[in-house]
């Protein structure tokens, strides 16, 4: 191919994943490619009906000529190399799915084909359910699969998640030293609530952690404060974010993406503004139009009273 990955989100995800993998394993392309191919494809740890990508394709991943495949190729049945690398080097795929890239570019959605396929209940599950006597469950699962099969998947499903929820869920993906300062876990239950400690406390804690995770948290806090309209929190988080961004220069996983990544982060932070409302435009909100005009007249400048002519 000979050309760098065009789509920014895939360029950054691939570059960060590959260079992080090389750094953590202290291995080069040939060693990594051989280990993954031999242990995860040829030994059939990955689904044996799926094939391994060619050595040249994997070389293109390392050159950042093409994005690391994170989904199977439905035509030639090539297993995604990202999955195989994760099986060989547990935890390595988290770099590809890092929250900072979601915050910058949005979630990485599954293709229409695979998102619909993964919603299907495996046939062997249905068979086992029927064998053990759970005919009702088996029947329900069959109906679910029929519904999925008959549905026309021509476009990606739209996400109705509000921006604040997206930011908070991204924060919850960060490791405990960061997450637990920002959220309460409500005891042993699965629910989390935002603590909203003082901005100085939260940001001060993040400044002691030098990692891509803490940088992602600062970006998320800036986006959060913009969304809720907290001007003080917004100004403090943005100032800290610009200062903390110098971490990228020393991160070995950012060796080839650091310059472009900093440009994207700076552009986003510079163009992000906190929520505010124009009092004149929104004056009388909730009132009928006729009432708005009447109320507005109370606040308009009064015309000058003509001076009396004493002559």
Protein backbone atom coordinates (compact mmCIF):
# COMPACT_ATOMS: atom_id res chain seq x y z
CA UNK A 1 0.00 0.00 0.00
CA UNK A 2 2.70 2.48 0.96
CA UNK A 3 0.35 5.08 2.40
CA UNK A 4 -0.46 5.94 5.99
CA UNK A 5 -3.91 5.08 7.31
CA UNK A 6 -6.23 7.90 6.27
CA UNK A 7 -8.98 7.73 8.88
CA UNK A 8 -7.63 9.55 11.96
CA UNK A 9 -9.29 7.33 14.57
CA UNK A 10 -7.89 4.16 12.98
CA UNK A 11 -4.45 5.73 12.47
CA UNK A 12 -4.17 6.68 16.14
CA UNK A 13 -5.63 3.43 17.45
CA UNK A 14 -3.35 1.29 15.28
CA UNK A 15 -0.24 3.36 15.97
CA UNK A 16 -0.82 3.39 19.71
CA UNK A 17 -1.59 -0.32 19.82
CA UNK A 18 1.38 -1.42 17.70
CA UNK A 19 4.01 0.75 19.39
CA UNK A 20 2.62 -0.12 22.83
CA UNK A 21 2.79 -3.83 21.92
CA UNK A 22 6.41 -3.51 20.80
CA UNK A 23 7.31 -1.62 23.97
CA UNK A 24 5.58 -4.01 26.39
CA UNK A 25 6.93 -7.18 24.76
CA UNK A 26 10.34 -5.78 23.79
CA UNK A 27 9.90 -7.67 20.53
CA UNK A 28 10.08 -6.61 16.89
CA UNK A 29 7.72 -7.22 14.01
CA UNK A 30 9.07 -10.63 12.95
CA UNK A 31 9.02 -12.06 16.46
CA UNK A 32 5.52 -10.80 17.24
CA UNK A 33 4.07 -11.87 13.90
CA UNK A 34 5.56 -15.36 14.19
CA UNK A 35 4.37 -15.89 17.76
CA UNK A 36 0.81 -14.81 16.99
CA UNK A 37 0.62 -16.84 13.79
CA UNK A 38 2.08 -20.02 15.25
CA UNK A 39 0.36 -19.96 18.65
CA UNK A 40 -3.01 -18.47 17.78
CA UNK A 41 -3.70 -19.60 14.22
CA UNK A 42 -1.66 -22.67 13.34
CA UNK A 43 -2.32 -24.26 16.74
CA UNK A 44 -6.02 -23.48 16.28
CA UNK A 45 -6.53 -21.59 19.52
CA UNK A 46 -8.47 -19.13 17.42
CA UNK A 47 -11.48 -20.59 15.57
CA UNK A 48 -9.82 -23.13 13.21
CA UNK A 49 -12.28 -22.33 10.43
CA UNK A 50 -10.82 -18.85 10.17
CA UNK A 51 -7.54 -18.02 8.47
CA UNK A 52 -4.54 -15.93 9.51
CA UNK A 53 -3.76 -12.70 7.65
CA UNK A 54 -0.68 -12.83 5.45
CA UNK A 55 2.70 -11.78 6.82
CA UNK A 56 2.67 -8.81 4.45
CA UNK A 57 -0.71 -7.68 5.78
CA UNK A 58 0.58 -7.79 9.34
CA UNK A 59 3.68 -5.92 8.20
CA UNK A 60 1.35 -3.20 6.89
CA UNK A 61 -0.18 -2.97 10.37
CA UNK A 62 3.27 -2.30 11.82
CA UNK A 63 4.05 0.25 9.11
CA UNK A 64 0.70 2.00 9.80
CA UNK A 65 -0.22 1.47 6.17
CA UNK A 66 -3.50 -0.16 7.13
CA UNK A 67 -5.58 -0.43 10.28
CA UNK A 68 -5.23 -3.48 12.48
CA UNK A 69 -8.21 -5.71 11.73
CA UNK A 70 -10.52 -5.87 14.74
CA UNK A 71 -13.36 -7.78 13.08
CA UNK A 72 -13.39 -10.99 11.00
CA UNK A 73 -13.41 -10.66 7.22
CA UNK A 74 -16.78 -12.13 6.30
CA UNK A 75 -15.76 -12.85 2.68
CA UNK A 76 -12.44 -14.72 3.09
CA UNK A 77 -12.97 -15.69 6.75
CA UNK A 78 -9.77 -14.17 8.12
CA UNK A 79 -9.77 -13.96 11.90
CA UNK A 80 -9.09 -10.46 13.25
CA UNK A 81 -5.40 -10.09 14.09
CA UNK A 82 -6.22 -7.83 17.04
CA UNK A 83 -8.07 -10.70 18.73
CA UNK A 84 -5.21 -13.11 18.06
CA UNK A 85 -2.70 -10.60 19.47
CA UNK A 86 -4.86 -10.16 22.57
CA UNK A 87 -4.92 -13.93 23.13
CA UNK A 88 -1.14 -14.10 22.76
CA UNK A 89 -0.44 -10.94 24.77
CA UNK A 90 -3.36 -10.51 27.21
CA UNK A 91 -4.40 -6.90 27.77
CA UNK A 92 -2.65 -5.57 24.68
CA UNK A 93 -5.87 -4.78 22.79
CA UNK A 94 -6.89 -2.20 25.40
CA UNK A 95 -4.52 0.25 23.70
CA UNK A 96 -6.55 0.02 20.48
CA UNK A 97 -9.80 0.68 22.36
CA UNK A 98 -8.38 3.37 24.64
CA UNK A 99 -11.03 5.83 25.93
CA UNK A 100 -9.03 8.85 24.75
CA UNK A 101 -9.76 7.90 21.13
CA UNK A 102 -13.47 7.49 21.91
CA UNK A 103 -13.50 10.96 23.49
CA UNK A 104 -11.80 12.41 20.43
CA UNK A 105 -13.64 10.59 17.66
CA UNK A 106 -16.56 8.69 19.18
CA UNK A 107 -17.09 5.00 19.81
CA UNK A 108 -15.67 2.46 17.40
CA UNK A 109 -18.78 0.72 16.12
CA UNK A 110 -18.95 -2.81 14.87
CA UNK A 111 -19.82 -3.25 11.22
CA UNK A 112 -23.47 -3.82 10.39
CA UNK A 113 -22.79 -7.43 9.41
CA UNK A 114 -21.02 -8.41 12.62
CA UNK A 115 -23.20 -6.39 14.97
CA UNK A 116 -26.23 -8.24 13.63
CA UNK A 117 -24.45 -11.58 13.72
CA UNK A 118 -23.27 -11.15 17.31
CA UNK A 119 -26.86 -10.51 18.38
CA UNK A 120 -27.78 -14.04 17.32
CA UNK A 121 -28.00 -16.81 19.90
CA UNK A 122 -25.56 -19.66 19.01
CA UNK A 123 -27.37 -22.72 17.68
CA UNK A 124 -25.56 -25.04 20.09
CA UNK A 125 -26.94 -23.01 23.00
CA UNK A 126 -30.45 -23.61 21.71
CA UNK A 127 -29.78 -27.33 21.26
CA UNK A 128 -28.37 -27.68 24.79
CA UNK A 129 -31.31 -25.77 26.27
CA UNK A 130 -33.77 -28.07 24.54
CA UNK A 131 -31.78 -31.18 25.60
CA UNK A 132 -31.89 -30.23 29.27
CA UNK A 133 -35.64 -29.60 29.06
CA UNK A 134 -35.73 -25.80 28.75
CA UNK A 135 -37.95 -25.88 25.68
CA UNK A 136 -39.50 -22.49 26.40
CA UNK A 137 -36.12 -20.76 26.49
CA UNK A 138 -35.03 -22.60 23.34
CA UNK A 139 -38.20 -21.45 21.57
CA UNK A 140 -37.67 -17.83 22.63
CA UNK A 141 -34.09 -17.90 21.42
CA UNK A 142 -35.21 -19.30 18.07
CA UNK A 143 -37.72 -16.46 17.71
CA UNK A 144 -34.99 -13.93 18.53
CA UNK A 145 -32.75 -15.37 15.81
CA UNK A 146 -35.58 -15.35 13.28
CA UNK A 147 -36.27 -11.71 14.08
CA UNK A 148 -32.60 -10.81 13.67
CA UNK A 149 -32.34 -12.70 10.40
CA UNK A 150 -35.40 -11.08 8.87
CA UNK A 151 -34.38 -7.56 9.88
CA UNK A 152 -32.78 -5.50 7.16
CA UNK A 153 -29.46 -4.11 8.36
CA UNK A 154 -28.78 -1.34 5.88
CA UNK A 155 -27.38 1.19 8.26
CA UNK A 156 -25.74 1.34 11.65
CA UNK A 157 -28.14 1.72 14.56
CA UNK A 158 -28.16 5.27 15.84
CA UNK A 159 -27.06 5.91 19.41
CA UNK A 160 -29.34 8.02 21.55
CA UNK A 161 -26.85 8.31 24.40
CA UNK A 162 -26.55 11.84 25.69
CA UNK A 163 -23.11 13.44 25.72
CA UNK A 164 -22.77 13.54 29.51
CA UNK A 165 -23.50 9.81 29.84
CA UNK A 166 -20.94 9.08 27.12
CA UNK A 167 -18.28 11.05 29.01
CA UNK A 168 -19.10 9.35 32.31
CA UNK A 169 -19.07 5.85 30.83
CA UNK A 170 -15.69 6.64 29.27
CA UNK A 171 -14.40 7.69 32.69
CA UNK A 172 -15.69 4.47 34.23
CA UNK A 173 -13.47 2.51 31.85
CA UNK A 174 -10.35 4.01 33.41
CA UNK A 175 -8.36 2.12 36.08
CA UNK A 176 -9.39 2.28 39.78
CA UNK A 177 -6.78 4.90 40.85
CA UNK A 178 -8.61 7.33 38.56
CA UNK A 179 -12.15 5.96 38.53
CA UNK A 180 -12.49 5.64 42.30
CA UNK A 181 -11.58 9.29 42.87
CA UNK A 182 -14.35 10.41 40.53
CA UNK A 183 -17.11 7.88 41.29
CA UNK A 184 -18.76 6.10 44.20
CA UNK A 185 -19.48 2.43 43.63
CA UNK A 186 -22.55 2.23 45.90
CA UNK A 187 -21.23 -0.63 48.00
CA UNK A 188 -21.44 -4.05 46.39
CA UNK A 189 -24.01 -3.06 43.76
CA UNK A 190 -23.31 -2.50 40.05
CA UNK A 191 -24.29 1.17 40.03
CA UNK A 192 -21.92 4.13 40.06
CA UNK A 193 -22.57 7.77 40.89
CA UNK A 194 -20.40 10.79 40.14
CA UNK A 195 -18.82 12.22 43.29
CA UNK A 196 -18.20 15.77 42.06
CA UNK A 197 -15.51 16.54 44.61
CA UNK A 198 -13.92 19.97 44.27
CA UNK A 199 -12.21 20.54 40.93
CA UNK A 200 -8.90 21.22 42.67
CA UNK A 201 -9.03 17.83 44.43
CA UNK A 202 -9.95 15.85 41.31
CA UNK A 203 -7.53 17.59 38.97
CA UNK A 204 -4.78 17.63 41.57
CA UNK A 205 -5.05 13.85 41.90
CA UNK A 206 -4.88 13.36 38.13
CA UNK A 207 -1.78 15.54 37.89
CA UNK A 208 0.11 13.04 40.05
CA UNK A 209 -0.54 10.25 37.54
CA UNK A 210 1.53 10.45 34.36
CA UNK A 211 -0.25 8.22 31.88
CA UNK A 212 -2.51 8.28 28.86
CA UNK A 213 -5.33 7.29 31.21
CA UNK A 214 -4.93 10.42 33.33
CA UNK A 215 -4.77 12.55 30.18
CA UNK A 216 -7.99 10.93 28.97
CA UNK A 217 -9.57 11.67 32.36
CA UNK A 218 -8.61 15.34 32.12
CA UNK A 219 -10.09 15.56 28.65
CA UNK A 220 -13.26 13.90 29.92
CA UNK A 221 -13.49 16.29 32.90
CA UNK A 222 -13.14 19.23 30.54
CA UNK A 223 -15.93 17.85 28.34
CA UNK A 224 -18.06 17.16 31.40
CA UNK A 225 -17.65 20.68 32.80
CA UNK A 226 -18.48 22.12 29.38
CA UNK A 227 -21.64 20.04 29.26
CA UNK A 228 -22.87 20.97 32.74
CA UNK A 229 -21.85 24.63 32.35
CA UNK A 230 -19.43 24.77 35.30
CA UNK A 231 -17.16 27.63 34.22
CA UNK A 232 -14.68 27.32 37.10
CA UNK A 233 -14.27 23.58 36.65
CA UNK A 234 -13.99 24.03 32.90
CA UNK A 235 -11.20 26.62 33.14
CA UNK A 236 -9.23 24.59 35.69
CA UNK A 237 -9.51 21.33 33.76
CA UNK A 238 -8.56 22.90 30.44
CA UNK A 239 -5.51 24.61 31.92
CA UNK A 240 -4.39 21.35 33.55
CA UNK A 241 -5.08 19.42 30.34
CA UNK A 242 -2.78 21.59 28.22
CA UNK A 243 -0.03 21.26 30.81
CA UNK A 244 -0.47 17.50 31.26
CA UNK A 245 -0.39 16.88 27.50
CA UNK A 246 3.43 17.02 27.57
CA UNK A 247 3.25 13.41 28.79
CA UNK A 248 2.64 12.32 25.19
CA UNK A 249 6.21 13.22 24.21
CA UNK A 250 7.68 10.68 26.61
CA UNK A 251 5.16 7.88 26.06
CA UNK A 252 6.86 5.14 23.98
CA UNK A 253 3.46 4.03 22.69
CA UNK A 254 3.03 7.47 21.08
CA UNK A 255 6.32 7.46 19.19
CA UNK A 256 4.77 7.78 15.73
CA UNK A 257 1.44 9.42 16.54
CA UNK A 258 2.43 12.08 19.09
CA UNK A 259 2.64 15.09 16.76
CA UNK A 260 -0.67 14.46 15.03
CA UNK A 261 -2.35 13.41 18.26
CA UNK A 262 -1.33 16.63 20.02
CA UNK A 263 -2.73 18.68 17.15
CA UNK A 264 -6.09 16.92 17.44
CA UNK A 265 -6.17 17.30 21.21
CA UNK A 266 -5.21 20.97 21.09
CA UNK A 267 -7.81 21.67 18.42
CA UNK A 268 -10.54 19.95 20.42
CA UNK A 269 -9.65 21.70 23.68
CA UNK A 270 -9.37 25.09 21.98
CA UNK A 271 -12.76 24.75 20.31
CA UNK A 272 -14.62 23.32 23.27
CA UNK A 273 -16.84 25.83 25.06
CA UNK A 274 -18.94 25.52 28.18
CA UNK A 275 -22.71 25.54 28.04
CA UNK A 276 -24.31 28.99 28.35
CA UNK A 277 -27.55 30.66 27.34
CA UNK A 278 -28.35 33.97 25.71
CA UNK A 279 -30.76 35.69 28.07
CA UNK A 280 -32.32 37.80 25.34
CA UNK A 281 -32.92 34.89 22.95
CA UNK A 282 -34.33 32.62 25.66
CA UNK A 283 -36.24 35.32 27.50
CA UNK A 284 -39.73 34.22 28.46
CA UNK A 285 -39.05 30.56 27.75
CA UNK A 286 -42.09 28.55 28.80
CA UNK A 287 -44.55 31.39 28.26
CA UNK A 288 -46.94 31.89 25.34
CA UNK A 289 -45.60 34.23 22.66
CA UNK A 290 -48.03 37.00 23.58
CA UNK A 291 -46.83 36.90 27.20
CA UNK A 292 -43.17 36.92 26.17
CA UNK A 293 -43.63 40.20 24.33
CA UNK A 294 -45.41 41.74 27.30
CA UNK A 295 -42.71 40.58 29.72
CA UNK A 296 -39.92 41.68 27.42
CA UNK A 297 -41.29 45.23 27.28
CA UNK A 298 -40.63 45.56 31.02
CA UNK A 299 -36.89 45.19 30.41
CA UNK A 300 -36.52 47.24 27.24
CA UNK A 301 -35.04 50.75 27.62
CA UNK A 302 -37.73 53.34 28.17
CA UNK A 303 -37.95 56.11 25.59
CA UNK A 304 -36.71 59.46 26.91
CA UNK A 305 -39.40 61.71 28.34
CA UNK A 306 -39.58 64.91 26.29
CA UNK A 307 -38.53 68.00 28.26
CA UNK A 308 -41.33 70.32 29.19
CA UNK A 309 -41.48 73.59 27.30
CA UNK A 310 -41.87 76.35 29.88
CA UNK A 311 -41.98 79.14 27.36
